[in-house]
Amino acid sequence: MIKYHKNIVIIASLLAMLAIVMGAFGAHGLKPLISPDSLAVFQTGVTYQMYHALALLALALIPGLEIKKVKGVFRFFVFGTFFFSGSLYFLALKSVLPFSVSFLAPVTPIGGLLLIFGWALLAYSVIKMK
């Protein structure tokens, strides 16, 4: 396994582990503290984080994919996950946080666009594979 692919597997594993922790925290710790709508927003962040952790694992295992493309998809997925899921976590918790997180509202769609770009780059890269 190439060192870069090994690093992707490590990051993917950590993101998946964190998604499980966040999911458990949401289901058990947050349920009595935030509204059902906010809990649903939090769960959306968890779900997308796990999807993209698994996608990163798959990315590291695609044989013959150009390393430059792998790096691009990796960056889109990681930054997209942090922006999308991370902003959703904070926005879901806005009623219990001691500070305003409203400024994060525009970050969520930026994260979503990064995830979309990652998937588009992955599709393009596979189409162009020899």
N, C-alpha and C. Protein backbone atom coordinates (compact mmCIF):
# COMPACT_ATOMS: atom_id res chain seq x y z
N MET A 1 0.85 -1.18 0.00
CA MET A 1 0.00 0.00 0.00
C MET A 1 0.90 1.24 0.00
N ILE A 2 0.57 2.18 -0.88
CA ILE A 2 1.33 3.43 -0.96
C ILE A 2 1.12 4.21 0.34
N LYS A 3 2.16 4.94 0.74
CA LYS A 3 2.09 5.70 1.99
C LYS A 3 0.90 6.66 2.00
N TYR A 4 0.64 7.32 0.87
CA TYR A 4 -0.48 8.27 0.82
C TYR A 4 -1.81 7.55 1.04
N HIS A 5 -1.96 6.36 0.45
CA HIS A 5 -3.18 5.58 0.65
C HIS A 5 -3.31 5.13 2.10
N LYS A 6 -2.18 4.79 2.70
CA LYS A 6 -2.19 4.42 4.12
C LYS A 6 -2.69 5.60 4.96
N ASN A 7 -2.24 6.80 4.65
CA ASN A 7 -2.69 8.00 5.37
C ASN A 7 -4.19 8.23 5.18
N ILE A 8 -4.68 7.96 3.99
CA ILE A 8 -6.12 8.11 3.72
C ILE A 8 -6.91 7.13 4.59
N VAL A 9 -6.45 5.89 4.67
CA VAL A 9 -7.13 4.89 5.50
C VAL A 9 -7.14 5.32 6.96
N ILE A 10 -6.04 5.87 7.43
CA ILE A 10 -5.96 6.34 8.82
C ILE A 10 -6.95 7.47 9.06
N ILE A 11 -6.96 8.46 8.18
CA ILE A 11 -7.88 9.60 8.33
C ILE A 11 -9.32 9.11 8.24
N ALA A 12 -9.60 8.23 7.28
CA ALA A 12 -10.96 7.69 7.12
C ALA A 12 -11.40 6.96 8.38
N SER A 13 -10.51 6.18 8.95
CA SER A 13 -10.83 5.43 10.18
C SER A 13 -11.13 6.38 11.33
N LEU A 14 -10.34 7.43 11.45
CA LEU A 14 -10.57 8.42 12.51
C LEU A 14 -11.89 9.17 12.31
N LEU A 15 -12.18 9.53 11.06
CA LEU A 15 -13.47 10.19 10.77
C LEU A 15 -14.64 9.27 11.08
N ALA A 16 -14.52 7.99 10.74
CA ALA A 16 -15.60 7.03 11.02
C ALA A 16 -15.76 6.85 12.53
N MET A 17 -14.65 6.73 13.24
CA MET A 17 -14.70 6.60 14.69
C MET A 17 -15.38 7.82 15.31
N LEU A 18 -15.00 9.01 14.84
CA LEU A 18 -15.59 10.24 15.36
C LEU A 18 -17.08 10.32 15.03
N ALA A 19 -17.48 9.82 13.87
CA ALA A 19 -18.90 9.80 13.50
C ALA A 19 -19.69 8.92 14.47
N ILE A 20 -19.12 7.80 14.86
CA ILE A 20 -19.79 6.92 15.82
C ILE A 20 -19.90 7.60 17.18
N VAL A 21 -18.83 8.25 17.60
CA VAL A 21 -18.84 8.98 18.87
C VAL A 21 -19.90 10.09 18.83
N MET A 22 -19.92 10.84 17.74
CA MET A 22 -20.89 11.94 17.62
C MET A 22 -22.32 11.40 17.55
N GLY A 23 -22.52 10.30 16.87
CA GLY A 23 -23.84 9.69 16.80
C GLY A 23 -24.33 9.24 18.17
N ALA A 24 -23.46 8.63 18.94
CA ALA A 24 -23.81 8.19 20.29
C ALA A 24 -24.08 9.40 21.19
N PHE A 25 -23.25 10.42 21.06
CA PHE A 25 -23.44 11.65 21.83
C PHE A 25 -24.79 12.28 21.49
N GLY A 26 -25.13 12.31 20.21
CA GLY A 26 -26.41 12.87 19.80
C GLY A 26 -27.59 12.06 20.33
N ALA A 27 -27.50 10.76 20.21
CA ALA A 27 -28.61 9.89 20.61
C ALA A 27 -28.80 9.84 22.12
N HIS A 28 -27.71 9.89 22.87
CA HIS A 28 -27.81 9.71 24.31
C HIS A 28 -27.62 10.99 25.12
N GLY A 29 -26.69 11.83 24.69
CA GLY A 29 -26.40 13.03 25.47
C GLY A 29 -27.20 14.25 25.09
N LEU A 30 -27.52 14.37 23.82
CA LEU A 30 -28.19 15.58 23.35
C LEU A 30 -29.71 15.50 23.35
N LYS A 31 -30.23 14.29 23.28
CA LYS A 31 -31.68 14.12 23.16
C LYS A 31 -32.48 14.96 24.15
N PRO A 32 -32.09 15.00 25.44
CA PRO A 32 -32.88 15.80 26.39
C PRO A 32 -32.56 17.30 26.33
N LEU A 33 -31.52 17.69 25.59
CA LEU A 33 -31.07 19.08 25.61
C LEU A 33 -31.51 19.93 24.44
N ILE A 34 -31.72 19.30 23.29
CA ILE A 34 -32.06 20.08 22.09
C ILE A 34 -33.36 19.57 21.48
N SER A 35 -33.92 20.38 20.62
CA SER A 35 -35.20 20.03 19.99
C SER A 35 -35.03 18.86 19.02
N PRO A 36 -36.12 18.18 18.70
CA PRO A 36 -36.04 17.09 17.71
C PRO A 36 -35.52 17.58 16.35
N ASP A 37 -35.90 18.81 15.96
CA ASP A 37 -35.40 19.35 14.69
C ASP A 37 -33.88 19.53 14.73
N SER A 38 -33.38 20.05 15.84
CA SER A 38 -31.93 20.23 15.98
C SER A 38 -31.21 18.89 16.03
N LEU A 39 -31.84 17.93 16.67
CA LEU A 39 -31.25 16.58 16.73
C LEU A 39 -31.18 15.97 15.33
N ALA A 40 -32.18 16.23 14.51
CA ALA A 40 -32.17 15.74 13.13
C ALA A 40 -31.04 16.39 12.33
N VAL A 41 -30.81 17.68 12.56
CA VAL A 41 -29.70 18.38 11.89
C VAL A 41 -28.37 17.75 12.32
N PHE A 42 -28.23 17.51 13.61
CA PHE A 42 -27.02 16.89 14.14
C PHE A 42 -26.81 15.52 13.50
N GLN A 43 -27.88 14.73 13.40
CA GLN A 43 -27.80 13.39 12.82
C GLN A 43 -27.42 13.45 11.34
N THR A 44 -27.87 14.48 10.63
CA THR A 44 -27.48 14.64 9.23
C THR A 44 -25.97 14.81 9.12
N GLY A 45 -25.40 15.59 10.03
CA GLY A 45 -23.94 15.75 10.05
C GLY A 45 -23.24 14.43 10.28
N VAL A 46 -23.74 13.64 11.22
CA VAL A 46 -23.16 12.33 11.53
C VAL A 46 -23.24 11.42 10.30
N THR A 47 -24.39 11.39 9.67
CA THR A 47 -24.60 10.52 8.51
C THR A 47 -23.65 10.86 7.37
N TYR A 48 -23.56 12.14 7.03
CA TYR A 48 -22.67 12.55 5.94
C TYR A 48 -21.21 12.32 6.28
N GLN A 49 -20.86 12.50 7.54
CA GLN A 49 -19.48 12.23 7.95
C GLN A 49 -19.15 10.75 7.75
N MET A 50 -20.06 9.87 8.15
CA MET A 50 -19.80 8.43 7.99
C MET A 50 -19.76 8.04 6.52
N TYR A 51 -20.69 8.58 5.72
CA TYR A 51 -20.66 8.27 4.28
C TYR A 51 -19.29 8.60 3.69
N HIS A 52 -18.77 9.75 4.06
CA HIS A 52 -17.53 10.19 3.43
C HIS A 52 -16.30 9.53 4.04
N ALA A 53 -16.40 9.07 5.26
CA ALA A 53 -15.32 8.25 5.82
C ALA A 53 -15.23 6.94 5.04
N LEU A 54 -16.38 6.35 4.77
CA LEU A 54 -16.40 5.10 3.99
C LEU A 54 -15.95 5.35 2.55
N ALA A 55 -16.34 6.48 2.00
CA ALA A 55 -15.91 6.82 0.64
C ALA A 55 -14.39 6.98 0.58
N LEU A 56 -13.80 7.56 1.64
CA LEU A 56 -12.34 7.68 1.68
C LEU A 56 -11.67 6.31 1.72
N LEU A 57 -12.25 5.39 2.47
CA LEU A 57 -11.70 4.02 2.49
C LEU A 57 -11.73 3.42 1.09
N ALA A 58 -12.84 3.59 0.41
CA ALA A 58 -12.95 3.07 -0.96
C ALA A 58 -11.94 3.75 -1.88
N LEU A 59 -11.77 5.06 -1.71
CA LEU A 59 -10.82 5.81 -2.53
C LEU A 59 -9.41 5.22 -2.42
N ALA A 60 -9.02 4.89 -1.21
CA ALA A 60 -7.67 4.34 -1.00
C ALA A 60 -7.49 2.96 -1.63
N LEU A 61 -8.59 2.31 -1.94
CA LEU A 61 -8.52 0.95 -2.46
C LEU A 61 -8.75 0.84 -3.97
N ILE A 62 -9.02 1.96 -4.63
CA ILE A 62 -9.23 1.93 -6.09
C ILE A 62 -7.87 1.76 -6.77
N PRO A 63 -7.67 0.62 -7.43
CA PRO A 63 -6.37 0.41 -8.08
C PRO A 63 -6.22 1.25 -9.35
N GLY A 64 -5.02 1.76 -9.55
CA GLY A 64 -4.71 2.44 -10.80
C GLY A 64 -5.18 3.87 -10.91
N LEU A 65 -5.77 4.42 -9.88
CA LEU A 65 -6.23 5.81 -9.92
C LEU A 65 -5.02 6.71 -9.74
N GLU A 66 -4.90 7.68 -10.62
CA GLU A 66 -3.76 8.61 -10.59
C GLU A 66 -3.67 9.30 -9.22
N ILE A 67 -2.48 9.32 -8.64
CA ILE A 67 -2.29 9.83 -7.28
C ILE A 67 -2.70 11.30 -7.16
N LYS A 68 -2.49 12.07 -8.23
CA LYS A 68 -2.89 13.48 -8.22
C LYS A 68 -4.41 13.59 -8.04
N LYS A 69 -5.14 12.71 -8.69
CA LYS A 69 -6.61 12.71 -8.58
C LYS A 69 -7.04 12.22 -7.20
N VAL A 70 -6.35 11.21 -6.68
CA VAL A 70 -6.64 10.70 -5.34
C VAL A 70 -6.49 11.82 -4.32
N LYS A 71 -5.41 12.58 -4.43
CA LYS A 71 -5.18 13.69 -3.50
C LYS A 71 -6.28 14.74 -3.61
N GLY A 72 -6.71 15.03 -4.83
CA GLY A 72 -7.77 16.01 -5.01
C GLY A 72 -9.08 15.57 -4.39
N VAL A 73 -9.48 14.34 -4.66
CA VAL A 73 -10.72 13.80 -4.09
C VAL A 73 -10.61 13.77 -2.57
N PHE A 74 -9.47 13.33 -2.06
CA PHE A 74 -9.23 13.28 -0.61
C PHE A 74 -9.45 14.66 0.01
N ARG A 75 -8.86 15.67 -0.57
CA ARG A 75 -8.98 17.04 -0.02
C ARG A 75 -10.42 17.52 -0.07
N PHE A 76 -11.09 17.31 -1.19
CA PHE A 76 -12.50 17.73 -1.29
C PHE A 76 -13.35 17.04 -0.22
N PHE A 77 -13.14 15.73 -0.06
CA PHE A 77 -13.95 14.98 0.92
C PHE A 77 -13.64 15.41 2.36
N VAL A 78 -12.38 15.57 2.69
CA VAL A 78 -12.03 15.93 4.07
C VAL A 78 -12.50 17.34 4.41
N PHE A 79 -12.17 18.32 3.57
CA PHE A 79 -12.60 19.69 3.85
C PHE A 79 -14.11 19.81 3.77
N GLY A 80 -14.71 19.14 2.80
CA GLY A 80 -16.17 19.15 2.69
C GLY A 80 -16.84 18.58 3.93
N THR A 81 -16.30 17.49 4.45
CA THR A 81 -16.86 16.87 5.65
C THR A 81 -16.72 17.80 6.85
N PHE A 82 -15.55 18.40 7.02
CA PHE A 82 -15.37 19.31 8.15
C PHE A 82 -16.30 20.52 8.05
N PHE A 83 -16.41 21.09 6.86
CA PHE A 83 -17.27 22.26 6.69
C PHE A 83 -18.74 21.88 6.83
N PHE A 84 -19.16 20.82 6.13
CA PHE A 84 -20.57 20.44 6.14
C PHE A 84 -20.98 19.89 7.49
N SER A 85 -20.39 18.78 7.90
CA SER A 85 -20.78 18.15 9.16
C SER A 85 -20.43 19.01 10.36
N GLY A 86 -19.25 19.59 10.34
CA GLY A 86 -18.83 20.43 11.47
C GLY A 86 -19.77 21.60 11.71
N SER A 87 -20.16 22.27 10.63
CA SER A 87 -21.08 23.40 10.79
C SER A 87 -22.45 22.92 11.27
N LEU A 88 -22.90 21.77 10.78
CA LEU A 88 -24.19 21.24 11.24
C LEU A 88 -24.16 20.90 12.72
N TYR A 89 -23.05 20.35 13.19
CA TYR A 89 -22.94 20.04 14.62
C TYR A 89 -23.10 21.31 15.45
N PHE A 90 -22.38 22.35 15.09
CA PHE A 90 -22.47 23.60 15.85
C PHE A 90 -23.84 24.25 15.71
N LEU A 91 -24.40 24.26 14.51
CA LEU A 91 -25.72 24.87 14.31
C LEU A 91 -26.80 24.12 15.08
N ALA A 92 -26.70 22.81 15.16
CA ALA A 92 -27.67 22.02 15.92
C ALA A 92 -27.58 22.33 17.41
N LEU A 93 -26.41 22.72 17.86
CA LEU A 93 -26.18 22.99 19.29
C LEU A 93 -26.35 24.47 19.66
N LYS A 94 -26.77 25.29 18.71
CA LYS A 94 -26.80 26.74 18.97
C LYS A 94 -27.65 27.13 20.18
N SER A 95 -28.67 26.35 20.50
CA SER A 95 -29.52 26.70 21.64
C SER A 95 -28.85 26.43 22.99
N VAL A 96 -27.82 25.62 23.01
CA VAL A 96 -27.15 25.31 24.28
C VAL A 96 -25.73 25.87 24.37
N LEU A 97 -25.24 26.45 23.28
CA LEU A 97 -23.90 27.03 23.30
C LEU A 97 -23.94 28.44 23.89
N PRO A 98 -22.90 28.83 24.60
CA PRO A 98 -22.87 30.16 25.22
C PRO A 98 -22.46 31.28 24.26
N PHE A 99 -22.30 30.95 23.00
CA PHE A 99 -21.90 31.95 22.01
C PHE A 99 -22.70 31.71 20.73
N SER A 100 -22.75 32.72 19.88
CA SER A 100 -23.51 32.61 18.63
C SER A 100 -22.70 31.87 17.57
N VAL A 101 -23.38 30.99 16.87
CA VAL A 101 -22.75 30.27 15.77
C VAL A 101 -23.47 30.53 14.45
N SER A 102 -24.29 31.55 14.42
CA SER A 102 -25.07 31.87 13.22
C SER A 102 -24.18 32.14 12.02
N PHE A 103 -22.96 32.63 12.27
CA PHE A 103 -22.03 32.91 11.16
C PHE A 103 -21.66 31.65 10.39
N LEU A 104 -21.92 30.47 10.97
CA LEU A 104 -21.58 29.21 10.31
C LEU A 104 -22.60 28.77 9.27
N ALA A 105 -23.76 29.41 9.25
CA ALA A 105 -24.81 29.00 8.30
C ALA A 105 -24.33 28.94 6.85
N PRO A 106 -23.54 29.92 6.37
CA PRO A 106 -23.07 29.83 4.98
C PRO A 106 -21.99 28.77 4.76
N VAL A 107 -21.39 28.27 5.83
CA VAL A 107 -20.32 27.27 5.70
C VAL A 107 -20.89 25.92 5.26
N THR A 108 -22.11 25.61 5.69
CA THR A 108 -22.71 24.32 5.38
C THR A 108 -22.82 24.09 3.87
N PRO A 109 -23.40 25.03 3.10
CA PRO A 109 -23.46 24.78 1.65
C PRO A 109 -22.10 24.76 0.97
N ILE A 110 -21.14 25.50 1.52
CA ILE A 110 -19.78 25.44 0.96
C ILE A 110 -19.23 24.03 1.14
N GLY A 111 -19.43 23.46 2.33
CA GLY A 111 -19.01 22.08 2.56
C GLY A 111 -19.71 21.11 1.63
N GLY A 112 -21.01 21.33 1.41
CA GLY A 112 -21.75 20.48 0.48
C GLY A 112 -21.20 20.56 -0.93
N LEU A 113 -20.84 21.77 -1.36
CA LEU A 113 -20.25 21.92 -2.69
C LEU A 113 -18.91 21.21 -2.79
N LEU A 114 -18.11 21.29 -1.75
CA LEU A 114 -16.83 20.58 -1.76
C LEU A 114 -17.05 19.07 -1.88
N LEU A 115 -18.04 18.55 -1.18
CA LEU A 115 -18.35 17.12 -1.29
C LEU A 115 -18.80 16.77 -2.71
N ILE A 116 -19.64 17.60 -3.29
CA ILE A 116 -20.09 17.38 -4.67
C ILE A 116 -18.91 17.41 -5.63
N PHE A 117 -18.00 18.37 -5.46
CA PHE A 117 -16.82 18.46 -6.32
C PHE A 117 -15.95 17.20 -6.16
N GLY A 118 -15.86 16.70 -4.95
CA GLY A 118 -15.09 15.47 -4.72
C GLY A 118 -15.68 14.30 -5.48
N TRP A 119 -16.99 14.15 -5.42
CA TRP A 119 -17.65 13.05 -6.15
C TRP A 119 -17.50 13.23 -7.66
N ALA A 120 -17.62 14.48 -8.12
CA ALA A 120 -17.47 14.74 -9.56
C ALA A 120 -16.05 14.42 -10.02
N LEU A 121 -15.06 14.83 -9.23
CA LEU A 121 -13.67 14.53 -9.58
C LEU A 121 -13.41 13.02 -9.56
N LEU A 122 -13.99 12.33 -8.61
CA LEU A 122 -13.82 10.87 -8.56
C LEU A 122 -14.43 10.22 -9.80
N ALA A 123 -15.63 10.61 -10.15
CA ALA A 123 -16.28 10.05 -11.35
C ALA A 123 -15.46 10.34 -12.60
N TYR A 124 -15.03 11.58 -12.75
CA TYR A 124 -14.22 11.98 -13.91
C TYR A 124 -12.92 11.16 -13.96
N SER A 125 -12.28 11.02 -12.81
CA SER A 125 -11.01 10.30 -12.74
C SER A 125 -11.16 8.84 -13.13
N VAL A 126 -12.24 8.21 -12.70
CA VAL A 126 -12.46 6.81 -13.04
C VAL A 126 -12.80 6.68 -14.52
N ILE A 127 -13.58 7.61 -15.06
CA ILE A 127 -13.90 7.59 -16.49
C ILE A 127 -12.63 7.68 -17.33
N LYS A 128 -11.69 8.50 -16.89
CA LYS A 128 -10.45 8.74 -17.64
C LYS A 128 -9.37 7.69 -17.39
N MET A 129 -9.62 6.74 -16.48
CA MET A 129 -8.63 5.70 -16.21
C MET A 129 -8.40 4.83 -17.43
N LYS A 130 -7.16 4.39 -17.59
CA LYS A 130 -6.82 3.51 -18.72
C LYS A 130 -6.97 2.07 -18.31
